[in-house]
Amino acid sequence: MQRPLKTDLSYSYEFAAAGRVAFSRVISRGTLSIGQKDEVPKLLILLPLHGSACVKIGRSENLISKPGEAAILDGNRLSELQIEGSRSHLSFVIDQEDIFQRLRGSLERPVYGSLDFTPQLDLAAGAGQIIFRLSQIMAACLGADGGMRDMPETLSHLSGSIVNLLVDTVPHRFSTALNQGEWLPSPRHVKRAVDFMHANHDRPMSMTEIAEAAGIGVRSLQEGFKRFKGTTPISYLAQLRLQAVHRDLLKAGQRVSVAEIARKWGFRHMGRFATEYRKCYGCPPSESLRGRPLHLDSGD
């Protein structure tokens, strides 16, 4: 009779909070499968040190994580990480909303949807090399004698530099807008229109009313938004209202319905609203109302 082979399995995990970014070092040996069932609005960056792993994305797409290449993964699509043999990697888990806030500040307009980062980054040259070196510095401080755990501001600055490098140098859905100058300061009439919409987006308003508040004609308003905001005034207003719904859902109690909050901010067609909300925040509005827990481990 053939005896089953004995397989040694070991797994170690060191973790540090670096501002609003989670950083970890993982060392494992043996066959290991780490699964994720729920969508999670996080960005996971794997920086392999030794060994390979198969990353399953959605139902059909696979990516091999190997030394020399970072894997940039959307937590809303990640399903499983399969490891065989000896493996070690560093990882970052970044809240996608933090990246959206940075983009909103640069582009001066609401930003939502998927980030669509290029999934692999060369760690031997350019920004990838800098990111890898900064990560190694952080990893050297993770041990008991590292000391940087007691320097949260330093950790936060290092992780912030990595996030900035990702946004500025790694291709993603909003790279073209950043490179084509949508980040340039808006002219006064566009700023007046934006201020008017922010102050009044809880009530109905027309294009004519927005244009009058900005002191220009409707056509000039549309052209200004297209050039400096990359969208139309009406789409900009809809995005503001969607953000307001999201904030209210997160703060609301269970006695308030999604429909009540959506109608408060001017959404009348619930099916269309739910589709736009999921596209923006990666989950149905009902899950935001319930306060869905996140299941993605910082080191996985």
Protein backbone atom coordinates (compact mmCIF):
# COMPACT_ATOMS: atom_id res chain seq x y z
CA MET A 1 0.00 0.00 0.00
CA GLN A 2 1.34 3.43 -0.92
CA ARG A 3 1.59 5.83 1.99
CA PRO A 4 0.50 9.46 1.52
CA LEU A 5 3.32 11.96 1.36
CA LYS A 6 3.73 14.24 4.34
CA THR A 7 3.79 17.91 3.41
CA ASP A 8 5.29 20.52 5.70
CA LEU A 9 3.30 23.74 5.82
CA SER A 10 4.52 26.88 7.52
CA TYR A 11 3.29 30.45 7.38
CA SER A 12 4.57 33.60 9.07
CA TYR A 13 3.10 37.06 8.85
CA GLU A 14 4.38 40.42 10.07
CA PHE A 15 2.18 43.50 9.83
CA ALA A 16 2.42 47.24 10.35
CA ALA A 17 -0.08 50.05 9.85
CA ALA A 18 1.50 52.82 7.81
CA GLY A 19 -0.94 55.69 7.97
CA ARG A 20 -4.04 54.44 6.13
CA VAL A 21 -1.98 51.84 4.27
CA ALA A 22 -1.41 48.33 5.62
CA PHE A 23 2.05 46.86 4.99
CA SER A 24 3.14 43.28 5.63
CA ARG A 25 5.76 40.61 5.01
CA VAL A 26 4.67 37.02 4.42
CA ILE A 27 6.85 33.89 4.37
CA SER A 28 5.31 30.50 3.58
CA ARG A 29 6.30 26.95 2.66
CA GLY A 30 4.11 24.21 1.24
CA THR A 31 0.86 24.24 -0.71
CA LEU A 32 -1.39 27.07 0.34
CA SER A 33 -4.60 28.54 -1.09
CA ILE A 34 -5.97 31.83 0.22
CA GLY A 35 -9.45 32.63 -1.05
CA GLN A 36 -11.67 35.69 -1.07
CA LYS A 37 -15.42 35.49 -1.64
CA ASP A 38 -16.54 39.09 -1.34
CA GLU A 39 -15.64 42.16 -3.34
CA VAL A 40 -13.38 44.48 -1.36
CA PRO A 41 -12.67 48.10 -2.41
CA LYS A 42 -8.94 47.82 -1.75
CA LEU A 43 -5.86 47.85 -3.94
CA LEU A 44 -3.46 44.99 -3.15
CA ILE A 45 0.19 45.33 -4.21
CA LEU A 46 2.28 42.14 -4.08
CA LEU A 47 6.08 42.55 -4.17
CA PRO A 48 7.55 39.03 -4.49
CA LEU A 49 10.92 38.28 -2.90
CA HIS A 50 11.16 34.54 -3.54
CA GLY A 51 9.00 31.90 -5.23
CA SER A 52 5.94 32.25 -7.42
CA ALA A 53 2.20 32.26 -6.84
CA CYS A 54 -0.86 32.04 -9.05
CA VAL A 55 -3.34 34.85 -8.57
CA LYS A 56 -6.90 34.12 -9.72
CA ILE A 57 -8.83 37.19 -10.85
CA GLY A 58 -12.54 36.75 -11.29
CA ARG A 59 -13.65 33.47 -12.83
CA SER A 60 -11.26 33.08 -15.73
CA GLU A 61 -8.20 35.36 -15.52
CA ASN A 62 -4.93 34.19 -13.94
CA LEU A 63 -1.75 36.13 -13.17
CA ILE A 64 1.60 34.68 -12.07
CA SER A 65 3.24 36.64 -9.26
CA LYS A 66 7.02 36.17 -9.44
CA PRO A 67 10.18 37.99 -8.30
CA GLY A 68 11.05 41.07 -10.32
CA GLU A 69 7.42 42.04 -10.98
CA ALA A 70 4.87 43.67 -8.70
CA ALA A 71 1.28 42.50 -9.01
CA ILE A 72 -1.26 45.32 -8.69
CA LEU A 73 -4.63 43.76 -7.88
CA ASP A 74 -8.15 45.14 -7.54
CA GLY A 75 -9.77 43.70 -4.42
CA ASN A 76 -13.15 43.89 -6.15
CA ARG A 77 -11.99 41.25 -8.64
CA LEU A 78 -9.44 39.18 -6.71
CA SER A 79 -10.67 35.66 -5.88
CA GLU A 80 -7.74 33.44 -4.82
CA LEU A 81 -3.98 33.29 -4.24
CA GLN A 82 -2.41 29.84 -4.77
CA ILE A 83 1.12 29.15 -3.49
CA GLU A 84 3.19 25.99 -3.93
CA GLY A 85 6.66 25.48 -2.46
CA SER A 86 8.65 28.22 -0.81
CA ARG A 87 7.38 31.79 -1.15
CA SER A 88 7.98 35.19 0.43
CA HIS A 89 6.55 38.57 -0.49
CA LEU A 90 5.89 42.05 0.77
CA SER A 91 2.44 43.55 0.34
CA PHE A 92 0.53 46.79 0.58
CA VAL A 93 -3.22 47.11 1.01
CA ILE A 94 -4.49 50.56 0.05
CA ASP A 95 -8.05 51.80 0.41
CA GLN A 96 -9.15 52.72 -3.12
CA GLU A 97 -11.12 55.65 -1.74
CA ASP A 98 -7.82 57.27 -0.66
CA ILE A 99 -6.62 57.11 -4.27
CA PHE A 100 -9.93 58.51 -5.51
CA GLN A 101 -9.61 61.43 -3.08
CA ARG A 102 -6.15 62.19 -4.39
CA LEU A 103 -7.41 62.07 -7.99
CA ARG A 104 -10.39 64.29 -7.15
CA GLY A 105 -8.03 66.86 -5.71
CA SER A 106 -5.82 66.79 -8.80
CA LEU A 107 -8.62 66.76 -11.37
CA GLU A 108 -10.97 69.04 -9.43
CA ARG A 109 -13.96 66.83 -10.22
CA PRO A 110 -15.74 63.76 -8.84
CA VAL A 111 -13.91 60.54 -9.70
CA TYR A 112 -15.39 57.08 -9.35
CA GLY A 113 -15.54 53.63 -10.96
CA SER A 114 -12.69 51.18 -11.35
CA LEU A 115 -9.05 52.30 -11.22
CA ASP A 116 -7.85 49.73 -13.80
CA PHE A 117 -4.15 49.86 -12.93
CA THR A 118 -1.80 47.94 -15.22
CA PRO A 119 -1.62 44.65 -13.29
CA GLN A 120 2.16 44.13 -13.43
CA LEU A 121 5.08 46.49 -12.79
CA ASP A 122 8.80 45.91 -13.45
CA LEU A 123 10.64 46.23 -10.13
CA ALA A 124 14.10 46.43 -11.71
CA ALA A 125 13.82 49.89 -13.27
CA GLY A 126 12.14 53.28 -13.01
CA ALA A 127 9.35 53.86 -10.50
CA GLY A 128 9.05 50.13 -9.84
CA GLN A 129 12.62 50.03 -8.58
CA ILE A 130 12.02 52.99 -6.27
CA ILE A 131 8.82 51.43 -4.92
CA PHE A 132 10.66 48.17 -4.28
CA ARG A 133 13.51 49.89 -2.43
CA LEU A 134 11.14 51.88 -0.24
CA SER A 135 9.29 48.66 0.55
CA GLN A 136 12.52 46.93 1.53
CA ILE A 137 13.30 49.78 3.91
CA MET A 138 9.90 49.33 5.51
CA ALA A 139 10.35 45.56 5.68
CA ALA A 140 13.69 45.95 7.44
CA CYS A 141 11.85 47.80 10.19
CA LEU A 142 9.14 45.20 10.71
CA GLY A 143 11.11 42.92 13.03
CA ALA A 144 11.27 43.23 16.78
CA ASP A 145 14.49 45.24 16.55
CA GLY A 146 13.39 47.39 13.60
CA GLY A 147 12.18 50.31 15.65
CA MET A 148 10.03 51.96 12.97
CA ARG A 149 6.83 50.61 14.51
CA ASP A 150 7.31 53.38 17.06
CA MET A 151 7.61 55.99 14.30
CA PRO A 152 4.14 56.06 12.73
CA GLU A 153 4.69 59.37 10.93
CA THR A 154 7.78 58.01 9.18
CA LEU A 155 5.89 54.89 8.11
CA SER A 156 3.03 57.05 6.89
CA HIS A 157 5.34 59.24 4.78
CA LEU A 158 7.02 56.19 3.22
CA SER A 159 3.73 54.54 2.35
CA GLY A 160 2.38 57.86 1.05
CA SER A 161 5.38 58.13 -1.29
CA ILE A 162 4.63 54.67 -2.65
CA VAL A 163 0.97 55.56 -3.27
CA ASN A 164 2.01 58.77 -5.04
CA LEU A 165 4.45 56.88 -7.25
CA LEU A 166 1.74 54.39 -8.20
CA VAL A 167 -0.76 57.09 -9.13
CA ASP A 168 1.75 59.27 -10.99
CA THR A 169 3.74 56.65 -12.89
CA VAL A 170 1.77 53.40 -13.27
CA PRO A 171 -0.85 53.51 -16.07
CA HIS A 172 -4.45 53.49 -14.84
CA ARG A 173 -7.88 54.62 -15.98
CA PHE A 174 -7.28 58.28 -15.11
CA SER A 175 -3.69 58.60 -16.36
CA THR A 176 -4.76 60.23 -19.63
CA ALA A 177 -6.79 62.88 -17.80
CA LEU A 178 -3.80 63.70 -15.58
CA ASN A 179 -1.38 63.80 -18.52
CA GLN A 180 -3.61 65.87 -20.80
CA GLY A 181 -3.89 68.75 -18.37
CA GLU A 182 -7.27 68.24 -16.71
CA TRP A 183 -5.36 68.95 -13.50
CA LEU A 184 -4.80 72.56 -14.61
CA PRO A 185 -6.59 75.16 -12.45
CA SER A 186 -10.12 75.77 -13.73
CA PRO A 187 -11.10 79.23 -15.02
CA ARG A 188 -13.33 81.40 -12.83
CA HIS A 189 -16.60 80.61 -14.58
CA VAL A 190 -16.07 76.85 -14.13
CA LYS A 191 -15.16 77.37 -10.47
CA ARG A 192 -18.31 79.45 -9.95
CA ALA A 193 -20.42 76.70 -11.53
CA VAL A 194 -18.75 74.04 -9.37
CA ASP A 195 -19.25 76.10 -6.19
CA PHE A 196 -22.92 76.64 -7.09
CA MET A 197 -23.47 72.90 -7.63
CA HIS A 198 -21.75 71.99 -4.36
CA ALA A 199 -23.92 74.47 -2.47
CA ASN A 200 -27.21 73.41 -4.11
CA HIS A 201 -26.91 69.77 -5.19
CA ASP A 202 -29.62 68.80 -2.69
CA ARG A 203 -32.30 70.42 -4.87
CA PRO A 204 -33.31 70.31 -8.54
CA MET A 205 -31.43 72.64 -10.88
CA SER A 206 -31.21 73.15 -14.62
CA MET A 207 -28.32 73.80 -16.97
CA THR A 208 -29.62 77.32 -17.50
CA GLU A 209 -29.61 78.00 -13.76
CA ILE A 210 -26.03 76.70 -13.41
CA ALA A 211 -24.87 78.79 -16.36
CA GLU A 212 -26.52 81.93 -14.95
CA ALA A 213 -24.82 81.36 -11.59
CA ALA A 214 -21.48 81.07 -13.43
CA GLY A 215 -22.13 84.20 -15.45
CA ILE A 216 -21.83 82.56 -18.88
CA GLY A 217 -23.98 80.87 -21.51
CA VAL A 218 -24.93 77.19 -21.48
CA ARG A 219 -22.68 76.33 -24.44
CA SER A 220 -19.63 78.01 -22.88
CA LEU A 221 -20.35 76.18 -19.62
CA GLN A 222 -20.44 72.83 -21.43
CA GLU A 223 -17.19 73.55 -23.26
CA GLY A 224 -15.47 74.63 -20.04
CA PHE A 225 -16.47 71.47 -18.21
CA LYS A 226 -15.43 69.28 -21.12
CA ARG A 227 -11.97 70.86 -21.23
CA PHE A 228 -11.21 71.30 -17.53
CA LYS A 229 -13.32 68.59 -15.88
CA GLY A 230 -13.45 65.93 -18.58
CA THR A 231 -17.22 65.58 -18.23
CA THR A 232 -20.49 67.49 -18.69
CA PRO A 233 -22.03 69.75 -16.02
CA ILE A 234 -24.98 67.37 -15.60
CA SER A 235 -22.69 64.34 -15.17
CA TYR A 236 -20.62 66.29 -12.66
CA LEU A 237 -23.78 67.11 -10.70
CA ALA A 238 -24.91 63.46 -10.79
CA GLN A 239 -21.53 62.37 -9.41
CA LEU A 240 -21.80 64.89 -6.56
CA ARG A 241 -25.21 63.52 -5.68
CA LEU A 242 -23.97 59.93 -5.84
CA GLN A 243 -21.22 60.80 -3.37
CA ALA A 244 -23.82 62.38 -1.08
CA VAL A 245 -25.91 59.18 -1.20
CA HIS A 246 -22.84 57.13 -0.34
CA ARG A 247 -22.07 59.30 2.70
CA ASP A 248 -25.66 59.10 3.92
CA LEU A 249 -25.83 55.32 3.47
CA LEU A 250 -22.73 54.82 5.58
CA LYS A 251 -24.14 57.00 8.38
CA ALA A 252 -27.78 55.90 8.21
CA GLY A 253 -29.45 53.50 10.61
CA GLN A 254 -31.34 50.38 9.62
CA ARG A 255 -34.72 52.17 9.79
CA VAL A 256 -33.90 54.25 6.70
CA SER A 257 -34.24 52.65 3.27
CA VAL A 258 -31.92 52.96 0.28
CA ALA A 259 -34.81 54.38 -1.77
CA GLU A 260 -35.45 57.14 0.78
CA ILE A 261 -31.86 58.30 0.69
CA ALA A 262 -31.60 58.02 -3.10
CA ARG A 263 -34.77 60.08 -3.61
CA LYS A 264 -33.53 62.69 -1.13
CA TRP A 265 -30.65 63.37 -3.53
CA GLY A 266 -32.75 63.42 -6.68
CA PHE A 267 -32.52 59.83 -7.93
CA ARG A 268 -35.92 58.61 -9.12
CA HIS A 269 -35.13 55.50 -11.18
CA MET A 270 -33.91 52.95 -8.60
CA GLY A 271 -32.63 50.38 -11.10
CA ARG A 272 -30.47 52.95 -12.91
CA PHE A 273 -29.32 54.38 -9.58
CA ALA A 274 -28.29 50.95 -8.25
CA THR A 275 -26.29 50.24 -11.42
CA GLU A 276 -24.40 53.56 -11.20
CA TYR A 277 -23.79 53.08 -7.47
CA ARG A 278 -22.29 49.62 -7.92
CA LYS A 279 -20.10 50.90 -10.78
CA CYS A 280 -18.82 53.64 -8.50
CA TYR A 281 -18.40 51.88 -5.15
CA GLY A 282 -18.06 48.22 -6.10
CA CYS A 283 -21.08 46.99 -4.13
CA PRO A 284 -24.89 47.37 -4.10
CA PRO A 285 -26.16 50.38 -2.09
CA SER A 286 -27.84 48.00 0.35
CA GLU A 287 -24.43 46.70 1.45
CA SER A 288 -23.21 50.21 2.25
CA LEU A 289 -26.36 50.71 4.33
CA ARG A 290 -25.59 47.54 6.30
CA GLY A 291 -21.96 48.55 6.84
CA ARG A 292 -20.41 45.58 5.05
CA PRO A 293 -17.25 44.22 6.75
CA LEU A 294 -14.05 43.89 4.75
CA HIS A 295 -12.49 40.42 4.48
CA LEU A 296 -9.24 41.04 2.66
CA ASP A 297 -6.27 40.31 4.91
CA SER A 298 -3.46 42.81 4.60
CA GLY A 299 -0.89 40.13 3.88
CA ASP A 300 -2.92 37.93 1.57
